[in-house]
C-alpha atoms as a PDB file:
ATOM      1  CA  UNK A   1      95.345 137.323 103.619  1.00  0.00           C
ATOM      2  CA  UNK A   2      98.819 137.444 102.583  1.00  0.00           C
ATOM      3  CA  UNK A   3     100.525 134.712  99.803  1.00  0.00           C
ATOM      4  CA  UNK A   4     104.299 135.933 100.240  1.00  0.00           C
ATOM      5  CA  UNK A   5     106.522 132.883 100.649  1.00  0.00           C
ATOM      6  CA  UNK A   6     103.624 130.525 100.618  1.00  0.00           C
ATOM      7  CA  UNK A   7     104.114 128.235  98.119  1.00  0.00           C
ATOM      8  CA  UNK A   8     100.322 127.350  96.310  1.00  0.00           C
ATOM      9  CA  UNK A   9      98.188 124.902  97.948  1.00  0.00           C
ATOM     10  CA  UNK A  10      97.364 121.440  94.935  1.00  0.00           C
ATOM     11  CA  UNK A  11      94.479 121.275  94.138  1.00  0.00           C
ATOM     12  CA  UNK A  12      92.785 118.765  95.486  1.00  0.00           C
ATOM     13  CA  UNK A  13      92.639 115.694  93.468  1.00  0.00           C
ATOM     14  CA  UNK A  14      90.441 114.603  91.412  1.00  0.00           C
ATOM     15  CA  UNK A  15      87.743 111.635  92.094  1.00  0.00           C
ATOM     16  CA  UNK A  16      88.134 109.727  88.649  1.00  0.00           C
ATOM     17  CA  UNK A  17      91.740 110.027  88.489  1.00  0.00           C
ATOM     18  CA  UNK A  18      91.699 108.354  92.545  1.00  0.00           C
ATOM     19  CA  UNK A  19      89.734 106.130  90.957  1.00  0.00           C
ATOM     20  CA  UNK A  20      91.263 104.979  88.536  1.00  0.00           C
ATOM     21  CA  UNK A  21      94.795 104.540  90.252  1.00  0.00           C
ATOM     22  CA  UNK A  22      92.360 102.420  92.564  1.00  0.00           C
ATOM     23  CA  UNK A  23      91.376 100.345  89.725  1.00  0.00           C
ATOM     24  CA  UNK A  24      94.926 100.022  88.534  1.00  0.00           C
ATOM     25  CA  UNK A  25      96.328  98.436  92.296  1.00  0.00           C
ATOM     26  CA  UNK A  26      92.731  95.978  91.980  1.00  0.00           C
ATOM     27  CA  UNK A  27      94.228  94.777  88.219  1.00  0.00           C
ATOM     28  CA  UNK A  28      98.109  95.118  89.695  1.00  0.00           C
ATOM     29  CA  UNK A  29      97.127  92.899  92.391  1.00  0.00           C
ATOM     30  CA  UNK A  30      95.238  90.383  90.495  1.00  0.00           C
ATOM     31  CA  UNK A  31      97.578  89.932  88.339  1.00  0.00           C
ATOM     32  CA  UNK A  32      99.999  89.147  91.095  1.00  0.00           C
ATOM     33  CA  UNK A  33      98.103  86.128  92.292  1.00  0.00           C
ATOM     34  CA  UNK A  34      97.881  85.243  88.313  1.00  0.00           C
ATOM     35  CA  UNK A  35     101.576  85.355  87.819  1.00  0.00           C
ATOM     36  CA  UNK A  36     101.703  83.852  91.494  1.00  0.00           C
ATOM     37  CA  UNK A  37      99.785  80.739  90.317  1.00  0.00           C
ATOM     38  CA  UNK A  38     100.941  80.295  87.024  1.00  0.00           C
ATOM     39  CA  UNK A  39     104.219  80.393  87.307  1.00  0.00           C
ATOM     40  CA  UNK A  40     104.511  79.292  91.082  1.00  0.00           C
ATOM     41  CA  UNK A  41     108.198  78.539  91.280  1.00  0.00           C
ATOM     42  CA  UNK A  42     109.679  80.429  88.111  1.00  0.00           C
ATOM     43  CA  UNK A  43     113.101  81.724  89.535  1.00  0.00           C
ATOM     44  CA  UNK A  44     111.802  85.870  87.916  1.00  0.00           C
ATOM     45  CA  UNK A  45     108.942  84.852  90.246  1.00  0.00           C
ATOM     46  CA  UNK A  46     110.013  86.955  92.618  1.00  0.00           C
ATOM     47  CA  UNK A  47     112.147  89.993  91.550  1.00  0.00           C
ATOM     48  CA  UNK A  48     108.645  90.413  89.035  1.00  0.00           C
ATOM     49  CA  UNK A  49     106.044  90.323  91.507  1.00  0.00           C
ATOM     50  CA  UNK A  50     109.262  92.857  93.836  1.00  0.00           C
ATOM     51  CA  UNK A  51     108.802  95.292  91.158  1.00  0.00           C
ATOM     52  CA  UNK A  52     105.434  95.351  90.964  1.00  0.00           C
ATOM     53  CA  UNK A  53     104.690  96.161  94.910  1.00  0.00           C
ATOM     54  CA  UNK A  54     107.237  99.138  94.008  1.00  0.00           C
ATOM     55  CA  UNK A  55     105.334 100.212  91.817  1.00  0.00           C
ATOM     56  CA  UNK A  56     101.065  99.864  93.449  1.00  0.00           C
ATOM     57  CA  UNK A  57     103.358 101.623  96.091  1.00  0.00           C
ATOM     58  CA  UNK A  58     104.309 104.089  93.951  1.00  0.00           C
ATOM     59  CA  UNK A  59     100.780 104.304  92.515  1.00  0.00           C
ATOM     60  CA  UNK A  60      99.771 104.783  96.630  1.00  0.00           C
ATOM     61  CA  UNK A  61     102.679 107.410  97.848  1.00  0.00           C
ATOM     62  CA  UNK A  62     101.682 109.696  94.489  1.00  0.00           C
ATOM     63  CA  UNK A  63      97.965 109.873  94.019  1.00  0.00           C
ATOM     64  CA  UNK A  64      96.727 109.360  97.506  1.00  0.00           C
ATOM     65  CA  UNK A  65      99.549 110.355  99.994  1.00  0.00           C
ATOM     66  CA  UNK A  66     100.415 112.717  97.717  1.00  0.00           C
ATOM     67  CA  UNK A  67     104.072 112.492  97.943  1.00  0.00           C
ATOM     68  CA  UNK A  68     105.108 114.361  95.265  1.00  0.00           C
ATOM     69  CA  UNK A  69     103.807 117.970  96.391  1.00  0.00           C
ATOM     70  CA  UNK A  70     105.588 117.192 100.521  1.00  0.00           C
ATOM     71  CA  UNK A  71     108.492 118.205 101.779  1.00  0.00           C
ATOM     72  CA  UNK A  72     111.758 117.126  99.253  1.00  0.00           C
ATOM     73  CA  UNK A  73     112.804 114.910 103.513  1.00  0.00           C
ATOM     74  CA  UNK A  74     108.922 113.223 103.240  1.00  0.00           C
ATOM     75  CA  UNK A  75     109.171 112.320  99.534  1.00  0.00           C
ATOM     76  CA  UNK A  76     112.899 110.669  99.835  1.00  0.00           C
ATOM     77  CA  UNK A  77     111.638 108.668 103.807  1.00  0.00           C
ATOM     78  CA  UNK A  78     108.491 107.879 101.514  1.00  0.00           C
ATOM     79  CA  UNK A  79     110.586 106.095  98.953  1.00  0.00           C
ATOM     80  CA  UNK A  80     112.149 104.549 100.569  1.00  0.00           C
ATOM     81  CA  UNK A  81     109.303 103.517 102.737  1.00  0.00           C
ATOM     82  CA  UNK A  82     107.933 101.636  99.158  1.00  0.00           C
ATOM     83  CA  UNK A  83     112.208 100.341  98.360  1.00  0.00           C
ATOM     84  CA  UNK A  84     111.777  98.377 101.747  1.00  0.00           C
ATOM     85  CA  UNK A  85     109.111  96.275 101.032  1.00  0.00           C
ATOM     86  CA  UNK A  86     109.839  95.247  98.314  1.00  0.00           C
ATOM     87  CA  UNK A  87     113.885  94.996  98.604  1.00  0.00           C
ATOM     88  CA  UNK A  88     113.315  92.780 101.446  1.00  0.00           C
ATOM     89  CA  UNK A  89     110.961  90.666  98.733  1.00  0.00           C
ATOM     90  CA  UNK A  90     114.233  89.542  96.877  1.00  0.00           C
ATOM     91  CA  UNK A  91     116.334  89.502  99.393  1.00  0.00           C
ATOM     92  CA  UNK A  92     114.365  86.724 101.354  1.00  0.00           C
ATOM     93  CA  UNK A  93     113.611  85.079  98.286  1.00  0.00           C
ATOM     94  CA  UNK A  94     116.251  84.297  96.553  1.00  0.00           C
ATOM     95  CA  UNK A  95     119.473  84.608  99.938  1.00  0.00           C
ATOM     96  CA  UNK A  96     116.167  82.675 102.401  1.00  0.00           C
ATOM     97  CA  UNK A  97     118.933  81.492 104.378  1.00  0.00           C
ATOM     98  CA  UNK A  98     122.089  83.758 104.781  1.00  0.00           C
ATOM     99  CA  UNK A  99     119.421  87.368 105.069  1.00  0.00           C
ATOM    100  CA  UNK A 100     117.267  85.975 107.834  1.00  0.00           C
ATOM    101  CA  UNK A 101     121.034  84.618 109.318  1.00  0.00           C
ATOM    102  CA  UNK A 102     121.696  88.472 109.274  1.00  0.00           C
ATOM    103  CA  UNK A 103     117.907  89.928 109.993  1.00  0.00           C
ATOM    104  CA  UNK A 104     117.581  87.979 112.953  1.00  0.00           C
ATOM    105  CA  UNK A 105     118.218  88.960 116.656  1.00  0.00           C
END
């Protein structure tokens, strides 16, 4: 068995850490639902929900997909993928008509 220049394999995530991450994801989902119910129609609500979606995606990538230990290119692709949904949410919320015309095939 050679150790050479191969990086060490990180230990698997703990079950407690994964459980906590799952609880945070559930809490953020419930918070999003509550915010949507209480502040329906508020101008700032889509931006706040987009931030919550981004935080949830970041948690999933870090805790479940382990993007922080991936190759830098894969980590970059994951960051772009996680940023896509919140960006689309903000664009369609604030610029729905023009964005829809631009995005139409």
